[in-house]
Amino acid sequence: MGIPLEPQQRIEPPGGNLLRELGGVSRGLARWSRGRRQRRWLPRGSGEPVMVLPGFLTSDASTLVLRRFLRRRGYRVHGWGLGLNRGDVYRLLPLLVERTRALAAAEGSPLRLVGWSLGGTLAREAAREATEAVAQVVTLGSPVVGGPKYTLAARYYERVVGLDLDAVEEEVSAMTAEPVGVPITAIYSRRDQVVSWQACLDRRDPDVEHVEVDASQFGLGLDPEVLAVVARQLAKGCAS
C-alpha cells in the first residue's frame, strides 16, 4: 500500500480532539447498521484461530463487535483474557506470550493476532517473542514509533508512570530495527486523534503492509470499512 511519509519528516503529536473521536464512533455505528448486506460478501475463514487484543485502558468488552464479526466470518476467536489493559507493557508482554503459546498449542495451529491501538503494539512484540505460535498480525491504529510518546497517553506515562519518553523512543527504535518475523498489516487513519498516524507506520519491516482507512481511533474496532480490511487481510494471510 506504500508508506506516505518520508523518513526525515517530523512525527506530529495527535490532535487530541475527543469530540471528533466520539463522532467517529457514531459514524461507525451508523455505517455498521447500514452495511449488513455488504458484509455477506467478505471473504471467510476456515476455522483458523484468532486472538483479539484491546487497547489502553480497555478490556475484552471493547472488542466484542470485532470478535463477533470475525466469529461470523468463520474464525475461532478468542479474547486476550488478561483483563484491563493498563498499559504496563513490561508486565503484560510475558503474560501475553505465555497465553499465545498456550492457545496455539491448544488449537494445534499458530494464531492470527488482531490488536487495537496498544493491543496491536503488544501483538507485534508477542509475535516477535513467539514467532512459532503466530501466523499473522493485524494492527489497528497501533503506535510502532516512539512507544507512547506520540499518543494522548504520553503525559500519563511521563508524569504518572515516570517514564523518560525520549529514552523509551530510543529503546523502541532499537527493538524495531529487526523485522518481527511474521506478516503484518498495519491499519492507520489520518483522522486518528489519539495516536499520531505517522507513528503507526513501520518503514523497517519488509513484511508490513500499510492500509489507510477513514475512521477515528475509537471507531476502528467497529467501523465496517476497517472490519472489511481486517477480513480481507486475514483471508489473504490464511491463503498464503
Foldseek 3Di string as FASTA:
>chain_A
DDDPDDPPDDFDAFQQPVVLQVVLQVVQVVQLVVCPVVLVPFAADAAAEEEEEEAAQDFQVLLVQLQVSNVVSHYRYHYQPPGTRNPPLVVVLVVSLVSLVVVLVVVVHAYEYEYAACGQVSVLVSCLVCVVRHAEYEYHAYFQAQRCCRFPCNCVCCPVVNDDSVVSRVVSVVVLLDASNHAYEQEFECSERGGRRSRSDRPRHPRYHYDYDHGYSSNLSRRPVNSSVVSNVVVVSVVD
